[in-house]
Amino acid sequence: MNVFIPNKEELEEAIYEAVQQVLREEMPEIIRKATRRKWLTTEEVMEMLQCSRRHIQYLRDSNQLSYSQKGRTIRYNIDDIEAFLNEGKVE
């Protein structure tokens, strides 16, 4: 069994490269999630899903799209909208 014990410079380089990789791959998504609004209006969901107000109503009525309602105001959680979009994702 071979064991590699890096010196200080090699260890620092390995850590630096790992951090750079995380920054390149993960930071854009982290920033996007941190700066977005949590709740969307019907108009914003219509734009995001590229569909009509009636189709949004159908998705709500058929329990395909969750929402929150207070009085006449309806809001949609952005995480739920993204999950809905990802359900139909084809790899």
C-alpha atoms as a PDB file:
ATOM      1  CA  MET A   1       0.000   0.000   0.000  1.00  0.00           C
ATOM      2  CA  ASN A   2       1.413   3.363  -1.064  1.00  0.00           C
ATOM      3  CA  VAL A   3       0.763   6.426   1.031  1.00  0.00           C
ATOM      4  CA  PHE A   4       1.223   9.931  -0.326  1.00  0.00           C
ATOM      5  CA  ILE A   5       2.015  12.607   2.208  1.00  0.00           C
ATOM      6  CA  PRO A   6       1.997  16.034   0.567  1.00  0.00           C
ATOM      7  CA  ASN A   7       4.292  18.806   1.631  1.00  0.00           C
ATOM      8  CA  LYS A   8       2.834  22.172   2.636  1.00  0.00           C
ATOM      9  CA  GLU A   9       2.943  23.662  -0.862  1.00  0.00           C
ATOM     10  CA  GLU A  10       1.276  20.612  -2.463  1.00  0.00           C
ATOM     11  CA  LEU A  11      -1.451  20.615   0.174  1.00  0.00           C
ATOM     12  CA  GLU A  12      -2.072  24.340  -0.301  1.00  0.00           C
ATOM     13  CA  GLU A  13      -2.245  23.867  -4.082  1.00  0.00           C
ATOM     14  CA  ALA A  14      -4.717  20.979  -3.756  1.00  0.00           C
ATOM     15  CA  ILE A  15      -6.936  23.010  -1.422  1.00  0.00           C
ATOM     16  CA  TYR A  16      -6.730  26.048  -3.717  1.00  0.00           C
ATOM     17  CA  GLU A  17      -7.754  23.989  -6.754  1.00  0.00           C
ATOM     18  CA  ALA A  18     -10.656  22.396  -4.853  1.00  0.00           C
ATOM     19  CA  VAL A  19     -11.930  25.795  -3.721  1.00  0.00           C
ATOM     20  CA  GLN A  20     -11.627  27.201  -7.245  1.00  0.00           C
ATOM     21  CA  GLN A  21     -13.613  24.279  -8.632  1.00  0.00           C
ATOM     22  CA  VAL A  22     -16.393  24.801  -6.084  1.00  0.00           C
ATOM     23  CA  LEU A  23     -16.481  28.507  -6.863  1.00  0.00           C
ATOM     24  CA  ARG A  24     -16.740  27.868 -10.609  1.00  0.00           C
ATOM     25  CA  GLU A  25     -19.359  25.153 -10.364  1.00  0.00           C
ATOM     26  CA  GLU A  26     -21.480  26.013  -7.324  1.00  0.00           C
ATOM     27  CA  MET A  27     -21.324  29.766  -6.741  1.00  0.00           C
ATOM     28  CA  PRO A  28     -23.525  30.886  -9.662  1.00  0.00           C
ATOM     29  CA  GLU A  29     -26.371  28.680  -8.385  1.00  0.00           C
ATOM     30  CA  ILE A  30     -25.830  29.784  -4.774  1.00  0.00           C
ATOM     31  CA  ILE A  31     -25.887  33.452  -5.767  1.00  0.00           C
ATOM     32  CA  ARG A  32     -28.981  32.970  -7.908  1.00  0.00           C
ATOM     33  CA  LYS A  33     -30.854  31.309  -5.067  1.00  0.00           C
ATOM     34  CA  ALA A  34     -29.727  33.881  -2.499  1.00  0.00           C
ATOM     35  CA  THR A  35     -30.841  36.867  -4.569  1.00  0.00           C
ATOM     36  CA  ARG A  36     -34.154  35.612  -5.909  1.00  0.00           C
ATOM     37  CA  ARG A  37     -37.561  36.311  -4.477  1.00  0.00           C
ATOM     38  CA  LYS A  38     -39.169  33.461  -2.556  1.00  0.00           C
ATOM     39  CA  TRP A  39     -42.782  34.126  -3.626  1.00  0.00           C
ATOM     40  CA  LEU A  40     -43.995  34.846  -7.166  1.00  0.00           C
ATOM     41  CA  THR A  41     -47.175  36.381  -8.550  1.00  0.00           C
ATOM     42  CA  THR A  42     -49.385  34.640 -11.091  1.00  0.00           C
ATOM     43  CA  GLU A  43     -47.988  36.898 -13.826  1.00  0.00           C
ATOM     44  CA  GLU A  44     -44.418  35.925 -12.941  1.00  0.00           C
ATOM     45  CA  VAL A  45     -45.334  32.225 -12.966  1.00  0.00           C
ATOM     46  CA  MET A  46     -47.084  32.667 -16.326  1.00  0.00           C
ATOM     47  CA  GLU A  47     -43.891  34.147 -17.725  1.00  0.00           C
ATOM     48  CA  MET A  48     -41.702  31.474 -16.148  1.00  0.00           C
ATOM     49  CA  LEU A  49     -43.851  28.586 -17.428  1.00  0.00           C
ATOM     50  CA  GLN A  50     -44.724  30.329 -20.707  1.00  0.00           C
ATOM     51  CA  CYS A  51     -48.430  29.629 -20.323  1.00  0.00           C
ATOM     52  CA  SER A  52     -51.735  31.412 -19.863  1.00  0.00           C
ATOM     53  CA  ARG A  53     -53.505  32.495 -16.696  1.00  0.00           C
ATOM     54  CA  ARG A  54     -56.152  29.847 -17.384  1.00  0.00           C
ATOM     55  CA  HIS A  55     -53.502  27.122 -17.543  1.00  0.00           C
ATOM     56  CA  ILE A  56     -52.076  28.276 -14.191  1.00  0.00           C
ATOM     57  CA  GLN A  57     -55.618  28.025 -12.793  1.00  0.00           C
ATOM     58  CA  TYR A  58     -55.896  24.483 -14.213  1.00  0.00           C
ATOM     59  CA  LEU A  59     -52.567  23.503 -12.599  1.00  0.00           C
ATOM     60  CA  ARG A  60     -53.797  24.835  -9.245  1.00  0.00           C
ATOM     61  CA  ASP A  61     -57.199  23.118  -9.548  1.00  0.00           C
ATOM     62  CA  SER A  62     -55.580  19.782 -10.428  1.00  0.00           C
ATOM     63  CA  ASN A  63     -53.121  20.068  -7.505  1.00  0.00           C
ATOM     64  CA  GLN A  64     -50.135  20.061  -9.829  1.00  0.00           C
ATOM     65  CA  LEU A  65     -49.013  23.471  -8.607  1.00  0.00           C
ATOM     66  CA  SER A  66     -49.043  24.456  -4.949  1.00  0.00           C
ATOM     67  CA  TYR A  67     -49.794  28.005  -3.888  1.00  0.00           C
ATOM     68  CA  SER A  68     -50.573  30.232  -0.952  1.00  0.00           C
ATOM     69  CA  GLN A  69     -53.647  32.428  -0.837  1.00  0.00           C
ATOM     70  CA  LYS A  70     -54.662  35.240   1.462  1.00  0.00           C
ATOM     71  CA  GLY A  71     -57.874  36.891   0.377  1.00  0.00           C
ATOM     72  CA  ARG A  72     -57.701  37.277  -3.376  1.00  0.00           C
ATOM     73  CA  THR A  73     -53.906  37.377  -3.471  1.00  0.00           C
ATOM     74  CA  ILE A  74     -52.245  34.191  -4.704  1.00  0.00           C
ATOM     75  CA  ARG A  75     -48.512  33.584  -4.461  1.00  0.00           C
ATOM     76  CA  TYR A  76     -46.368  30.678  -5.615  1.00  0.00           C
ATOM     77  CA  ASN A  77     -43.192  29.447  -3.924  1.00  0.00           C
ATOM     78  CA  ILE A  78     -40.336  29.588  -6.415  1.00  0.00           C
ATOM     79  CA  ASP A  79     -38.918  26.262  -5.171  1.00  0.00           C
ATOM     80  CA  ASP A  80     -42.257  24.590  -5.966  1.00  0.00           C
ATOM     81  CA  ILE A  81     -42.317  26.126  -9.442  1.00  0.00           C
ATOM     82  CA  GLU A  82     -38.776  24.922 -10.149  1.00  0.00           C
ATOM     83  CA  ALA A  83     -39.661  21.446  -8.837  1.00  0.00           C
ATOM     84  CA  PHE A  84     -42.695  21.407 -11.149  1.00  0.00           C
ATOM     85  CA  LEU A  85     -40.498  22.313 -14.108  1.00  0.00           C
ATOM     86  CA  ASN A  86     -37.907  19.685 -13.192  1.00  0.00           C
ATOM     87  CA  GLU A  87     -40.557  16.924 -13.036  1.00  0.00           C
ATOM     88  CA  GLY A  88     -40.813  17.029 -16.825  1.00  0.00           C
ATOM     89  CA  LYS A  89     -37.098  17.351 -17.413  1.00  0.00           C
ATOM     90  CA  VAL A  90     -35.685  15.003 -20.039  1.00  0.00           C
ATOM     91  CA  GLU A  91     -32.016  14.095 -19.712  1.00  0.00           C
END
